[in-house]
Amino acid sequence: MPEMLTVDLHPIFRSDRDIDAAVRTAIFRAAREKIKVVEIITGKGSGKLKKRVLATLNQPHLKKLYRRVETDNDNDGRVLVRF
């Protein structure tokens, strides 16, 4: 059983639908397979992608699946979701 699942959003950063689908899929997979941490790589750009990811994670149906969301202090382009 893997400890961490990584989702890199760089290839799909222009498509909101693909971003939402990738984040949702990762969260559902982690909850189903008992993965402890999902690492979402958003990049260090303007911050729009990171805001989009955080808004997606804040949806009530996803929020009940994980314990907390952390933004990495050392790396601005990374969001950690802990289960």
Protein backbone atom coordinates (compact mmCIF):
# COMPACT_ATOMS: atom_id res chain seq x y z
CA MET A 1 0.00 0.00 0.00
CA PRO A 2 1.60 3.32 -1.04
CA GLU A 3 2.06 6.03 1.58
CA MET A 4 1.67 8.94 -0.86
CA LEU A 5 -0.15 9.60 -4.10
CA THR A 6 1.17 12.41 -6.30
CA VAL A 7 -0.94 14.37 -8.79
CA ASP A 8 0.90 16.76 -11.12
CA LEU A 9 -1.45 19.34 -12.61
CA HIS A 10 1.11 20.98 -14.91
CA PRO A 11 -0.05 19.16 -18.08
CA ILE A 12 -3.73 20.09 -17.59
CA PHE A 13 -3.52 23.57 -16.03
CA ARG A 14 -5.66 25.19 -18.74
CA SER A 15 -8.73 22.98 -18.33
CA ASP A 16 -10.83 23.56 -15.21
CA ARG A 17 -12.85 20.42 -15.89
CA ASP A 18 -9.72 18.26 -16.10
CA ILE A 19 -8.28 19.86 -12.93
CA ASP A 20 -11.47 19.12 -10.98
CA ALA A 21 -11.61 15.57 -12.32
CA ALA A 22 -7.96 14.86 -11.46
CA VAL A 23 -8.33 16.19 -7.91
CA ARG A 24 -11.59 14.32 -7.32
CA THR A 25 -10.19 11.08 -8.72
CA ALA A 26 -7.11 11.32 -6.50
CA ILE A 27 -9.17 12.02 -3.37
CA PHE A 28 -11.59 9.15 -4.05
CA ARG A 29 -8.72 6.76 -4.83
CA ALA A 30 -6.83 7.73 -1.66
CA ALA A 31 -9.94 7.26 0.47
CA ARG A 32 -10.69 3.90 -1.15
CA GLU A 33 -7.12 2.53 -0.99
CA LYS A 34 -6.29 3.99 2.46
CA ILE A 35 -3.45 6.18 1.18
CA LYS A 36 -2.25 8.54 3.90
CA VAL A 37 -1.21 11.62 1.86
CA VAL A 38 -2.11 13.04 -1.54
CA GLU A 39 0.44 15.49 -2.90
CA ILE A 40 -1.01 17.88 -5.49
CA ILE A 41 1.59 19.78 -7.49
CA THR A 42 0.18 23.09 -8.70
CA GLY A 43 3.37 24.97 -9.52
CA LYS A 44 4.59 28.35 -8.37
CA GLY A 45 2.87 30.55 -10.95
CA SER A 46 0.34 33.26 -10.20
CA GLY A 47 -1.53 31.10 -7.69
CA LYS A 48 -4.75 30.70 -9.69
CA LEU A 49 -4.32 26.96 -10.07
CA LYS A 50 -3.66 26.56 -6.34
CA LYS A 51 -6.80 28.58 -5.52
CA ARG A 52 -8.79 26.40 -7.91
CA VAL A 53 -7.52 23.23 -6.25
CA LEU A 54 -8.26 24.55 -2.75
CA ALA A 55 -11.80 25.53 -3.84
CA THR A 56 -12.36 22.04 -5.24
CA LEU A 57 -11.09 20.45 -2.04
CA ASN A 58 -13.40 22.67 0.00
CA GLN A 59 -16.53 21.11 -1.51
CA PRO A 60 -18.60 19.36 1.19
CA HIS A 61 -18.69 15.94 -0.51
CA LEU A 62 -14.88 15.88 -0.73
CA LYS A 63 -14.23 17.55 2.60
CA LYS A 64 -15.74 14.65 4.53
CA LEU A 65 -13.26 12.19 2.96
CA TYR A 66 -10.02 13.71 4.30
CA ARG A 67 -8.77 15.07 7.63
CA ARG A 68 -6.92 18.24 6.61
CA VAL A 69 -5.32 20.21 3.79
CA GLU A 70 -1.88 21.75 4.19
CA THR A 71 0.05 24.09 1.97
CA ASP A 72 3.74 23.30 2.04
CA ASN A 73 5.76 26.06 3.73
CA ASP A 74 8.95 25.14 1.87
CA ASN A 75 7.36 24.80 -1.56
CA ASP A 76 4.54 27.15 -2.60
CA GLY A 77 3.58 24.97 -5.54
CA ARG A 78 2.48 21.99 -3.48
CA VAL A 79 -0.70 21.12 -1.57
CA LEU A 80 -0.81 18.14 0.80
CA VAL A 81 -4.10 16.41 1.65
CA ARG A 82 -3.90 14.18 4.73
CA PHE A 83 -6.26 11.27 5.42
